[in-house]
Amino acid sequence: MDTASEWTFQSTSETETQRLGTMLAKLLEPGTVIALNGNLGAGKTRLVQAIAVALGVDREQVNSPTFVLIQEYQGSLPLYHFDTYRLQDTDEFLELGADDLLYANGVCLIEWADKVAEVLPRDLLQINIEHSSETARTFHFKGQGPRSTKIVDALK
């Protein structure tokens, strides 16, 4: 039986986005996969930075892996940060070794995840981010599967 849960969070500042990332980081466990989607400038990388900092990674180390495609960070949990914007297809994603990392003992954060959705695990936390104004963002959370549903329910 599939489980699903949804929640929306309105952030009016970077400080609130940082708080959201901190709350989310406290709920993450090895094997969590987070699909991040939204237009350029929506705040995907900013949320990843907030999560990484909350897990003990230096914020200066965390940037968009647009050209390197994968960044690995060591915090209290290993973080694998993907940017699939420049990929042509899911085969390129898998050639990066993504399938190994998706099922490893870390947390995967995938920007532009819609591009590789067909190869992502069924238990997936989707976060769609809308750029509401200069400083405001709307975060739409959808948990699919037991692990991600538990995270969304705890955030509520």
C-alpha atoms as a PDB file:
ATOM      1  CA  MET A   1       0.000   0.000   0.000  1.00  0.00           C
ATOM      2  CA  ASP A   2       1.428   3.378  -1.010  1.00  0.00           C
ATOM      3  CA  THR A   3       1.294   6.211   1.471  1.00  0.00           C
ATOM      4  CA  ALA A   4       1.451   9.908   0.662  1.00  0.00           C
ATOM      5  CA  SER A   5       1.365  13.153   2.568  1.00  0.00           C
ATOM      6  CA  GLU A   6       1.463  16.807   1.491  1.00  0.00           C
ATOM      7  CA  TRP A   7       2.286  20.109   3.169  1.00  0.00           C
ATOM      8  CA  THR A   8       2.964  23.674   2.013  1.00  0.00           C
ATOM      9  CA  PHE A   9       5.302  26.135   3.715  1.00  0.00           C
ATOM     10  CA  GLN A  10       5.443  29.844   2.929  1.00  0.00           C
ATOM     11  CA  SER A  11       8.840  31.459   3.519  1.00  0.00           C
ATOM     12  CA  THR A  12       9.098  35.241   3.463  1.00  0.00           C
ATOM     13  CA  SER A  13      12.865  35.461   4.038  1.00  0.00           C
ATOM     14  CA  GLU A  14      16.172  33.624   3.810  1.00  0.00           C
ATOM     15  CA  THR A  15      16.047  33.279   7.595  1.00  0.00           C
ATOM     16  CA  GLU A  16      12.757  31.356   7.364  1.00  0.00           C
ATOM     17  CA  THR A  17      14.188  29.188   4.581  1.00  0.00           C
ATOM     18  CA  GLN A  18      17.200  28.486   6.807  1.00  0.00           C
ATOM     19  CA  ARG A  19      14.831  27.468   9.641  1.00  0.00           C
ATOM     20  CA  LEU A  20      12.930  25.195   7.257  1.00  0.00           C
ATOM     21  CA  GLY A  21      16.176  23.525   6.180  1.00  0.00           C
ATOM     22  CA  THR A  22      17.186  23.048   9.817  1.00  0.00           C
ATOM     23  CA  MET A  23      13.820  21.476  10.691  1.00  0.00           C
ATOM     24  CA  LEU A  24      14.036  19.207   7.669  1.00  0.00           C
ATOM     25  CA  ALA A  25      17.633  18.157   8.408  1.00  0.00           C
ATOM     26  CA  LYS A  26      16.625  16.947  11.884  1.00  0.00           C
ATOM     27  CA  LEU A  27      14.191  14.500  10.262  1.00  0.00           C
ATOM     28  CA  LEU A  28      16.528  13.032   7.656  1.00  0.00           C
ATOM     29  CA  GLU A  29      17.933   9.544   7.915  1.00  0.00           C
ATOM     30  CA  PRO A  30      20.238   7.482   5.715  1.00  0.00           C
ATOM     31  CA  GLY A  31      18.579   6.564   2.454  1.00  0.00           C
ATOM     32  CA  THR A  32      16.358   9.646   2.200  1.00  0.00           C
ATOM     33  CA  VAL A  33      16.021  10.952  -1.355  1.00  0.00           C
ATOM     34  CA  ILE A  34      14.756  14.503  -1.909  1.00  0.00           C
ATOM     35  CA  ALA A  35      13.621  15.682  -5.346  1.00  0.00           C
ATOM     36  CA  LEU A  36      13.911  19.469  -5.683  1.00  0.00           C
ATOM     37  CA  ASN A  37      12.123  21.239  -8.507  1.00  0.00           C
ATOM     38  CA  GLY A  38      11.507  24.880  -9.326  1.00  0.00           C
ATOM     39  CA  ASN A  39      12.529  27.562 -11.800  1.00  0.00           C
ATOM     40  CA  LEU A  40      15.981  29.133 -11.878  1.00  0.00           C
ATOM     41  CA  GLY A  41      16.386  31.244  -8.752  1.00  0.00           C
ATOM     42  CA  ALA A  42      13.535  29.517  -6.919  1.00  0.00           C
ATOM     43  CA  GLY A  43      15.757  28.580  -3.969  1.00  0.00           C
ATOM     44  CA  LYS A  44      16.733  24.941  -4.531  1.00  0.00           C
ATOM     45  CA  THR A  45      20.419  25.450  -3.742  1.00  0.00           C
ATOM     46  CA  ARG A  46      19.587  27.762  -0.833  1.00  0.00           C
ATOM     47  CA  LEU A  47      17.486  25.030   0.774  1.00  0.00           C
ATOM     48  CA  VAL A  48      20.284  22.494   0.192  1.00  0.00           C
ATOM     49  CA  GLN A  49      22.708  24.894   1.904  1.00  0.00           C
ATOM     50  CA  ALA A  50      20.380  25.193   4.900  1.00  0.00           C
ATOM     51  CA  ILE A  51      20.066  21.414   5.200  1.00  0.00           C
ATOM     52  CA  ALA A  52      23.826  20.914   4.839  1.00  0.00           C
ATOM     53  CA  VAL A  53      24.670  23.543   7.475  1.00  0.00           C
ATOM     54  CA  ALA A  54      22.217  21.937   9.893  1.00  0.00           C
ATOM     55  CA  LEU A  55      24.049  18.637   9.337  1.00  0.00           C
ATOM     56  CA  GLY A  56      27.428  20.200  10.121  1.00  0.00           C
ATOM     57  CA  VAL A  57      28.738  21.110   6.662  1.00  0.00           C
ATOM     58  CA  ASP A  58      30.469  24.486   6.137  1.00  0.00           C
ATOM     59  CA  ARG A  59      28.066  26.679   4.130  1.00  0.00           C
ATOM     60  CA  GLU A  60      30.949  27.948   1.972  1.00  0.00           C
ATOM     61  CA  GLN A  61      31.462  24.409   0.642  1.00  0.00           C
ATOM     62  CA  VAL A  62      27.879  24.087  -0.577  1.00  0.00           C
ATOM     63  CA  ASN A  63      27.109  25.459  -4.010  1.00  0.00           C
ATOM     64  CA  SER A  64      25.155  24.379  -7.046  1.00  0.00           C
ATOM     65  CA  PRO A  65      26.869  21.440  -8.749  1.00  0.00           C
ATOM     66  CA  THR A  66      25.658  22.599 -12.175  1.00  0.00           C
ATOM     67  CA  PHE A  67      28.992  21.941 -13.897  1.00  0.00           C
ATOM     68  CA  VAL A  68      30.351  19.090 -11.753  1.00  0.00           C
ATOM     69  CA  LEU A  69      26.889  17.457 -11.518  1.00  0.00           C
ATOM     70  CA  ILE A  70      27.461  15.863  -8.067  1.00  0.00           C
ATOM     71  CA  GLN A  71      28.874  17.319  -4.864  1.00  0.00           C
ATOM     72  CA  GLU A  72      29.524  15.137  -1.824  1.00  0.00           C
ATOM     73  CA  TYR A  73      29.554  16.660   1.650  1.00  0.00           C
ATOM     74  CA  GLN A  74      30.465  15.033   4.936  1.00  0.00           C
ATOM     75  CA  GLY A  75      28.324  16.106   7.859  1.00  0.00           C
ATOM     76  CA  SER A  76      26.556  14.056  10.497  1.00  0.00           C
ATOM     77  CA  LEU A  77      25.151  12.203   7.452  1.00  0.00           C
ATOM     78  CA  PRO A  78      26.801  11.948   4.035  1.00  0.00           C
ATOM     79  CA  LEU A  79      25.072  14.310   1.589  1.00  0.00           C
ATOM     80  CA  TYR A  80      24.990  13.764  -2.162  1.00  0.00           C
ATOM     81  CA  HIS A  81      23.913  16.911  -3.996  1.00  0.00           C
ATOM     82  CA  PHE A  82      22.998  16.424  -7.661  1.00  0.00           C
ATOM     83  CA  ASP A  83      22.166  19.015 -10.294  1.00  0.00           C
ATOM     84  CA  THR A  84      20.585  17.360 -13.318  1.00  0.00           C
ATOM     85  CA  TYR A  85      19.870  20.593 -15.225  1.00  0.00           C
ATOM     86  CA  ARG A  86      22.566  19.969 -17.853  1.00  0.00           C
ATOM     87  CA  LEU A  87      21.906  16.247 -18.322  1.00  0.00           C
ATOM     88  CA  GLN A  88      20.404  15.063 -21.580  1.00  0.00           C
ATOM     89  CA  ASP A  89      18.686  11.958 -20.214  1.00  0.00           C
ATOM     90  CA  THR A  90      18.456   9.478 -17.360  1.00  0.00           C
ATOM     91  CA  ASP A  91      21.262   7.370 -18.837  1.00  0.00           C
ATOM     92  CA  GLU A  92      23.703  10.218 -18.129  1.00  0.00           C
ATOM     93  CA  PHE A  93      22.414  10.382 -14.557  1.00  0.00           C
ATOM     94  CA  LEU A  94      22.964   6.670 -14.058  1.00  0.00           C
ATOM     95  CA  GLU A  95      26.431   6.860 -15.658  1.00  0.00           C
ATOM     96  CA  LEU A  96      27.417   9.243 -12.858  1.00  0.00           C
ATOM     97  CA  GLY A  97      26.886   6.372 -10.415  1.00  0.00           C
ATOM     98  CA  ALA A  98      23.679   7.923  -9.180  1.00  0.00           C
ATOM     99  CA  ASP A  99      21.946   4.583  -8.724  1.00  0.00           C
ATOM    100  CA  ASP A 100      24.622   3.562  -6.179  1.00  0.00           C
ATOM    101  CA  LEU A 101      24.247   6.833  -4.257  1.00  0.00           C
ATOM    102  CA  LEU A 102      20.435   6.757  -4.299  1.00  0.00           C
ATOM    103  CA  TYR A 103      20.556   3.565  -2.244  1.00  0.00           C
ATOM    104  CA  ALA A 104      23.611   4.407  -0.107  1.00  0.00           C
ATOM    105  CA  ASN A 105      23.723   5.364   3.572  1.00  0.00           C
ATOM    106  CA  GLY A 106      23.451   9.074   2.932  1.00  0.00           C
ATOM    107  CA  VAL A 107      20.908  11.674   1.890  1.00  0.00           C
ATOM    108  CA  CYS A 108      20.439  12.527  -1.784  1.00  0.00           C
ATOM    109  CA  LEU A 109      19.318  16.028  -2.753  1.00  0.00           C
ATOM    110  CA  ILE A 110      18.520  16.243  -6.461  1.00  0.00           C
ATOM    111  CA  GLU A 111      17.969  19.614  -8.139  1.00  0.00           C
ATOM    112  CA  TRP A 112      15.866  19.529 -11.330  1.00  0.00           C
ATOM    113  CA  ALA A 113      14.748  16.052 -10.291  1.00  0.00           C
ATOM    114  CA  ASP A 114      11.889  15.978 -12.813  1.00  0.00           C
ATOM    115  CA  LYS A 115      14.510  15.309 -15.500  1.00  0.00           C
ATOM    116  CA  VAL A 116      15.390  11.953 -13.904  1.00  0.00           C
ATOM    117  CA  ALA A 117      12.110  11.121 -12.158  1.00  0.00           C
ATOM    118  CA  GLU A 118      11.711   7.756 -13.872  1.00  0.00           C
ATOM    119  CA  VAL A 119      14.802   6.304 -12.129  1.00  0.00           C
ATOM    120  CA  LEU A 120      14.238   7.752  -8.642  1.00  0.00           C
ATOM    121  CA  PRO A 121      13.157   5.519  -5.754  1.00  0.00           C
ATOM    122  CA  ARG A 122       9.454   5.104  -5.037  1.00  0.00           C
ATOM    123  CA  ASP A 123       9.921   6.426  -1.479  1.00  0.00           C
ATOM    124  CA  LEU A 124      10.691   9.995  -2.439  1.00  0.00           C
ATOM    125  CA  LEU A 125      10.296  13.392  -0.796  1.00  0.00           C
ATOM    126  CA  GLN A 126       9.326  15.886  -3.486  1.00  0.00           C
ATOM    127  CA  ILE A 127       9.787  19.579  -2.827  1.00  0.00           C
ATOM    128  CA  ASN A 128       8.499  21.967  -5.479  1.00  0.00           C
ATOM    129  CA  ILE A 129       9.595  25.553  -4.897  1.00  0.00           C
ATOM    130  CA  GLU A 130       7.840  28.601  -6.287  1.00  0.00           C
ATOM    131  CA  HIS A 131       9.446  32.021  -6.393  1.00  0.00           C
ATOM    132  CA  SER A 132       6.663  34.214  -4.959  1.00  0.00           C
ATOM    133  CA  SER A 133       8.554  37.526  -4.734  1.00  0.00           C
ATOM    134  CA  GLU A 134      12.072  38.888  -4.252  1.00  0.00           C
ATOM    135  CA  THR A 135      12.337  37.265  -0.815  1.00  0.00           C
ATOM    136  CA  ALA A 136       9.315  34.955  -0.583  1.00  0.00           C
ATOM    137  CA  ARG A 137       9.189  31.306  -1.604  1.00  0.00           C
ATOM    138  CA  THR A 138       6.463  28.691  -1.430  1.00  0.00           C
ATOM    139  CA  PHE A 139       7.630  25.138  -0.683  1.00  0.00           C
ATOM    140  CA  HIS A 140       5.241  22.342  -1.642  1.00  0.00           C
ATOM    141  CA  PHE A 141       6.192  19.063   0.069  1.00  0.00           C
ATOM    142  CA  LYS A 142       4.909  15.680  -1.033  1.00  0.00           C
ATOM    143  CA  GLY A 143       6.012  12.509   0.650  1.00  0.00           C
ATOM    144  CA  GLN A 144       5.599   9.284  -1.286  1.00  0.00           C
ATOM    145  CA  GLY A 145       6.319   6.144   0.673  1.00  0.00           C
ATOM    146  CA  PRO A 146       6.736   5.461   4.386  1.00  0.00           C
ATOM    147  CA  ARG A 147      10.024   7.304   5.028  1.00  0.00           C
ATOM    148  CA  SER A 148       9.143  10.497   3.157  1.00  0.00           C
ATOM    149  CA  THR A 149       5.548  10.549   4.410  1.00  0.00           C
ATOM    150  CA  LYS A 150       6.847  10.376   7.970  1.00  0.00           C
ATOM    151  CA  ILE A 151       9.063  13.403   7.268  1.00  0.00           C
ATOM    152  CA  VAL A 152       6.203  15.463   5.808  1.00  0.00           C
ATOM    153  CA  ASP A 153       3.886  14.533   8.681  1.00  0.00           C
ATOM    154  CA  ALA A 154       6.539  15.608  11.211  1.00  0.00           C
ATOM    155  CA  LEU A 155       7.031  18.958   9.436  1.00  0.00           C
ATOM    156  CA  LYS A 156       3.290  19.682   9.599  1.00  0.00           C
END
